[in-house]
Protein backbone atom coordinates (compact mmCIF):
# COMPACT_ATOMS: atom_id res chain seq x y z
CA UNK A 1 165.15 77.97 90.27
CA UNK A 2 162.98 75.29 91.90
CA UNK A 3 163.79 71.59 91.71
CA UNK A 4 162.24 70.00 88.63
CA UNK A 5 159.47 68.20 90.54
CA UNK A 6 158.12 71.56 91.77
CA UNK A 7 158.42 73.62 88.61
CA UNK A 8 154.93 72.85 87.30
CA UNK A 9 153.12 73.34 90.60
CA UNK A 10 150.95 76.48 90.91
CA UNK A 11 152.34 78.93 93.44
CA UNK A 12 150.30 81.28 95.64
CA UNK A 13 152.21 84.06 97.37
CA UNK A 14 150.47 85.50 100.44
CA UNK A 15 151.51 88.92 101.73
CA UNK A 16 150.81 89.27 105.43
CA UNK A 17 152.95 92.42 105.19
CA UNK A 18 155.24 93.91 102.58
CA UNK A 19 158.71 95.32 102.98
CA UNK A 20 158.20 98.27 100.61
CA UNK A 21 155.70 99.86 102.99
CA UNK A 22 157.17 98.71 106.30
CA UNK A 23 158.22 101.73 108.42
CA UNK A 24 161.89 100.95 108.94
CA UNK A 25 163.82 102.76 111.63
CA UNK A 26 166.58 105.03 110.32
CA UNK A 27 169.44 102.74 111.36
CA UNK A 28 168.39 100.02 108.89
CA UNK A 29 166.91 102.12 106.09
CA UNK A 30 170.05 101.88 103.97
CA UNK A 31 169.94 98.09 103.63
CA UNK A 32 166.26 97.26 103.56
CA UNK A 33 166.19 96.81 99.74
CA UNK A 34 167.20 93.18 100.17
CA UNK A 35 163.84 92.30 101.72
CA UNK A 36 161.87 94.38 99.24
CA UNK A 37 163.72 92.65 96.39
CA UNK A 38 162.72 89.25 97.78
CA UNK A 39 159.09 90.43 97.87
CA UNK A 40 159.33 91.63 94.27
CA UNK A 41 160.96 88.54 92.77
CA UNK A 42 158.60 86.26 94.72
CA UNK A 43 155.61 88.15 93.30
CA UNK A 44 157.04 87.77 89.79
CA UNK A 45 157.29 83.98 90.00
CA UNK A 46 153.95 83.35 91.72
CA UNK A 47 150.82 82.39 89.79
CA UNK A 48 148.58 84.31 92.19
CA UNK A 49 149.51 87.05 94.65
CA UNK A 50 147.19 87.57 97.62
CA UNK A 51 147.23 90.40 100.14
CA UNK A 52 145.47 90.46 103.48
CA UNK A 53 144.09 93.97 102.79
CA UNK A 54 143.69 96.48 99.98
CA UNK A 55 146.03 98.78 101.89
CA UNK A 56 148.72 96.09 101.84
CA UNK A 57 148.22 95.48 98.12
CA UNK A 58 148.12 99.12 97.07
CA UNK A 59 151.06 100.20 99.22
CA UNK A 60 153.19 97.46 97.65
CA UNK A 61 152.18 97.97 94.02
CA UNK A 62 152.27 101.77 94.23
CA UNK A 63 155.80 101.70 95.67
CA UNK A 64 157.22 99.27 93.13
CA UNK A 65 157.96 101.79 90.30
CA UNK A 66 160.11 103.99 92.54
CA UNK A 67 161.79 100.92 93.94
CA UNK A 68 162.70 99.69 90.45
CA UNK A 69 164.09 103.14 89.61
CA UNK A 70 167.11 102.42 91.82
CA UNK A 71 168.26 99.78 89.33
CA UNK A 72 171.00 101.04 86.99
CA UNK A 73 169.41 99.34 83.95
CA UNK A 74 166.76 96.77 83.01
CA UNK A 75 164.27 98.41 85.34
CA UNK A 76 161.54 96.05 84.12
CA UNK A 77 158.69 98.41 85.02
CA UNK A 78 156.21 96.49 82.87
CA UNK A 79 156.37 93.78 85.51
CA UNK A 80 154.40 95.98 87.93
CA UNK A 81 151.25 95.66 85.83
CA UNK A 82 151.87 91.93 85.41
CA UNK A 83 151.92 91.56 89.21
CA UNK A 84 148.87 93.78 89.59
CA UNK A 85 146.90 91.63 87.13
CA UNK A 86 147.39 88.48 89.22
CA UNK A 87 146.89 90.19 92.60
CA UNK A 88 143.81 90.08 94.82
CA UNK A 89 142.75 90.78 98.39
CA UNK A 90 142.19 87.71 100.56
CA UNK A 91 141.63 88.68 104.22
CA UNK A 92 142.95 86.63 107.08
CA UNK A 93 140.75 84.13 108.82
CA UNK A 94 140.31 84.64 112.56
CA UNK A 95 139.51 82.19 115.32
CA UNK A 96 136.42 83.75 116.91
CA UNK A 97 135.35 80.72 118.92
CA UNK A 98 136.39 82.32 122.22
CA UNK A 99 133.35 84.66 122.39
CA UNK A 100 131.61 84.64 125.78
CA UNK A 101 128.58 86.30 127.32
CA UNK A 102 130.78 89.06 128.72
CA UNK A 103 131.03 90.60 125.24
CA UNK A 104 127.34 91.50 125.40
CA UNK A 105 127.87 93.61 128.54
CA UNK A 106 126.84 97.20 127.78
CA UNK A 107 127.61 99.04 131.02
CA UNK A 108 131.20 100.37 131.00
CA UNK A 109 133.55 99.96 133.93
CA UNK A 110 134.02 102.90 136.25
CA UNK A 111 136.60 104.20 135.62
CA UNK A 112 136.87 102.85 132.05
CA UNK A 113 139.53 100.28 131.22
CA UNK A 114 141.66 101.19 128.18
CA UNK A 115 143.46 98.43 126.30
CA UNK A 116 146.82 98.17 124.54
CA UNK A 117 147.20 94.70 122.97
CA UNK A 118 149.87 95.23 120.30
CA UNK A 119 153.59 94.58 119.90
CA UNK A 120 155.81 96.78 122.08
CA UNK A 121 157.60 98.39 119.15
CA UNK A 122 158.02 101.85 117.64
CA UNK A 123 155.81 101.22 114.61
CA UNK A 124 152.81 101.00 116.95
CA UNK A 125 153.47 104.62 118.00
CA UNK A 126 153.50 104.01 121.79
CA UNK A 127 154.80 107.55 122.42
CA UNK A 128 151.51 109.11 121.29
CA UNK A 129 149.53 106.55 123.26
CA UNK A 130 151.29 106.93 126.61
CA UNK A 131 152.01 110.66 126.41
CA UNK A 132 148.29 111.25 125.86
CA UNK A 133 147.41 109.26 128.96
CA UNK A 134 150.04 111.17 130.93
CA UNK A 135 148.26 114.37 129.92
CA UNK A 136 144.93 112.92 131.02
CA UNK A 137 146.50 111.91 134.32
CA UNK A 138 147.66 115.49 134.86
CA UNK A 139 144.14 116.69 134.10
CA UNK A 140 142.71 114.40 136.75
CA UNK A 141 140.56 112.36 134.35
CA UNK A 142 139.98 108.86 135.77
CA UNK A 143 140.93 105.80 133.72
CA UNK A 144 142.57 102.40 134.05
CA UNK A 145 145.09 100.80 131.72
CA UNK A 146 145.59 97.23 130.61
CA UNK A 147 148.92 96.99 128.72
CA UNK A 148 149.29 93.56 127.12
CA UNK A 149 152.38 92.37 125.27
CA UNK A 150 155.81 90.87 125.72
CA UNK A 151 158.60 93.07 127.06
CA UNK A 152 162.11 92.74 125.68
CA UNK A 153 165.48 94.43 126.08
CA UNK A 154 165.21 96.83 123.13
CA UNK A 155 161.60 97.87 123.59
CA UNK A 156 160.86 101.63 123.34
CA UNK A 157 161.80 103.48 126.53
CA UNK A 158 158.32 104.99 126.79
CA UNK A 159 157.01 101.66 128.16
CA UNK A 160 159.33 101.85 131.18
CA UNK A 161 158.50 105.52 131.70
CA UNK A 162 154.76 104.85 131.48
CA UNK A 163 154.96 101.92 133.87
CA UNK A 164 156.31 104.32 136.51
CA UNK A 165 154.34 107.49 135.77
CA UNK A 166 151.02 105.74 135.21
CA UNK A 167 151.44 103.02 137.83
CA UNK A 168 148.32 104.04 139.77
CA UNK A 169 146.20 103.47 136.63
CA UNK A 170 147.74 100.20 135.40
CA UNK A 171 145.84 97.03 136.31
CA UNK A 172 147.86 94.72 134.03
CA UNK A 173 151.26 95.20 132.43
CA UNK A 174 152.93 92.41 130.49
CA UNK A 175 152.41 89.20 128.60
CA UNK A 176 149.34 86.99 129.01
CA UNK A 177 150.52 83.52 129.95
CA UNK A 178 147.94 81.77 127.77
CA UNK A 179 145.43 82.48 125.05
CA UNK A 180 142.65 81.86 127.55
CA UNK A 181 144.04 84.53 129.87
CA UNK A 182 144.51 86.93 126.95
CA UNK A 183 140.89 86.54 125.82
CA UNK A 184 139.66 86.92 129.40
CA UNK A 185 141.64 90.14 129.83
CA UNK A 186 140.62 91.85 126.59
CA UNK A 187 136.96 91.16 127.32
CA UNK A 188 137.28 93.38 130.41
CA UNK A 189 138.28 96.45 128.36
CA UNK A 190 135.96 99.35 127.54
CA UNK A 191 138.06 101.43 125.13
CA UNK A 192 140.65 100.42 122.52
CA UNK A 193 142.75 103.50 121.65
CA UNK A 194 145.02 102.71 118.68
CA UNK A 195 147.90 104.95 117.56
CA UNK A 196 149.74 102.65 115.13
CA UNK A 197 151.77 103.85 112.18
CA UNK A 198 151.95 100.34 110.77
CA UNK A 199 149.25 97.71 110.38
CA UNK A 200 148.57 95.79 107.20
CA UNK A 201 145.54 94.04 108.71
CA UNK A 202 145.24 94.54 112.46
CA UNK A 203 144.51 91.20 114.13
CA UNK A 204 144.90 92.52 117.67
CA UNK A 205 142.68 95.53 116.88
CA UNK A 206 139.91 93.28 115.57
CA UNK A 207 140.26 91.00 118.59
CA UNK A 208 139.88 93.96 120.96
CA UNK A 209 136.81 95.23 119.13
CA UNK A 210 135.32 91.75 118.94
CA UNK A 211 135.75 91.55 122.70
CA UNK A 212 133.50 94.59 122.97
CA UNK A 213 135.92 97.50 123.44
CA UNK A 214 134.97 100.81 121.84
CA UNK A 215 137.74 101.61 119.30
CA UNK A 216 139.47 104.88 118.52
CA UNK A 217 141.41 104.27 115.29
CA UNK A 218 143.69 106.33 113.06
CA UNK A 219 142.21 107.11 109.66
CA UNK A 220 145.00 105.31 107.83
CA UNK A 221 146.36 101.83 107.21
CA UNK A 222 143.87 98.96 106.85
CA UNK A 223 141.36 99.90 109.54
CA UNK A 224 139.00 101.86 107.31
CA UNK A 225 138.44 98.71 105.22
CA UNK A 226 137.05 96.85 108.23
CA UNK A 227 134.69 99.60 109.38
CA UNK A 228 133.75 101.89 106.48
CA UNK A 229 131.48 104.81 107.35
CA UNK A 230 131.84 104.28 111.12
CA UNK A 231 132.50 107.26 113.40
CA UNK A 232 135.46 105.73 115.22
CA UNK A 233 138.42 107.41 113.49
CA UNK A 234 140.77 110.35 114.06
CA UNK A 235 142.57 111.83 111.04
CA UNK A 236 145.69 113.36 112.58
CA UNK A 237 147.78 112.54 115.64
CA UNK A 238 146.87 115.91 117.16
CA UNK A 239 143.22 114.79 117.16
CA UNK A 240 143.91 111.67 119.22
CA UNK A 241 144.02 113.25 122.69
CA UNK A 242 140.76 115.24 122.43
CA UNK A 243 138.96 112.23 120.95
CA UNK A 244 140.25 109.99 123.73
CA UNK A 245 139.29 112.54 126.35
CA UNK A 246 135.74 112.57 125.00
CA UNK A 247 135.46 108.80 125.14
CA UNK A 248 136.62 108.75 128.75
CA UNK A 249 134.39 111.56 129.95
CA UNK A 250 131.24 110.74 127.96
CA UNK A 251 130.87 107.27 129.46
CA UNK A 252 130.37 105.68 126.03
CA UNK A 253 128.58 102.32 126.08
CA UNK A 254 129.97 99.28 124.34
CA UNK A 255 128.87 98.58 120.78
CA UNK A 256 127.10 95.46 119.54
CA UNK A 257 127.33 96.58 115.91
CA UNK A 258 131.11 96.63 115.49
CA UNK A 259 131.80 93.09 116.78
CA UNK A 260 129.21 91.75 114.35
CA UNK A 261 131.10 93.42 111.48
CA UNK A 262 134.05 91.15 112.30
CA UNK A 263 132.06 87.93 111.92
CA UNK A 264 132.87 87.89 108.19
CA UNK A 265 136.52 87.10 109.04
CA UNK A 266 135.66 83.94 111.01
CA UNK A 267 137.64 81.01 109.62
CA UNK A 268 134.35 79.15 109.20
CA UNK A 269 133.50 81.70 106.51
CA UNK A 270 136.94 82.62 105.18
CA UNK A 271 138.06 79.02 104.63
CA UNK A 272 135.59 78.75 101.74
CA UNK A 273 137.36 81.57 99.91
CA UNK A 274 140.73 79.89 100.44
CA UNK A 275 139.36 76.56 99.22
CA UNK A 276 137.96 78.22 96.09
CA UNK A 277 141.36 79.75 95.33
CA UNK A 278 143.21 76.46 95.83
CA UNK A 279 140.74 74.49 93.74
CA UNK A 280 140.81 77.06 90.93
CA UNK A 281 144.58 76.89 90.64
CA UNK A 282 144.69 73.11 90.94
CA UNK A 283 142.20 72.70 88.12
């Protein structure tokens, strides 16, 4: 389908996310096959298919057979293995040049500063995040909140509720006006509680951890790939509140180990893997 001058060029398809595993809200579930179909046909035509995480790759390939079952005929299920054979994991590169001395600070703030630095959308599970802090407020446990992100008209109502009910704890609420301000803010945080139901890689999570915040992550999605064997996960949503309570009351120091585990994603390192891929296909 490409113009003739492009038909012999090698094509790399990069999945930053995939529509087969994206947690659609119920009001659009009935018509989301269009986007999944584009993902599928694009993967068919590409010479190499790269995913930013194993979770992204596996969630896409594992969902393809059921997706193809909706076709009335010519289900073409053999194509799933063909896509799998040319697929690989190629993590994102991150700009880590903003690191400052503040990251090496070990003494936590009193009370601790907890960070939200994700999109203000339902797939990040803000209800669990804010309702847990409301419980902690009722229990009299001291904490401060830094809620970063852009507000918009259709954002989940829980953000407006939390801004009122947790106002005495909130030290920042809204969008950072520049990258410099964003990096300065996240380096002040002590704890990074994450409740997301959707993350194919987790750039903001890695940025928060690289800034020195102690993470509390769900044992799902792509996070386990970044920090295998680390004791920073909760398995079920019901475990989030007690784990968060422990972090706040135990005065946990910042970690030097976890930020160093993110160094491997620095563009200075990752660009070599991208160059190798490009050169291999070009040759």
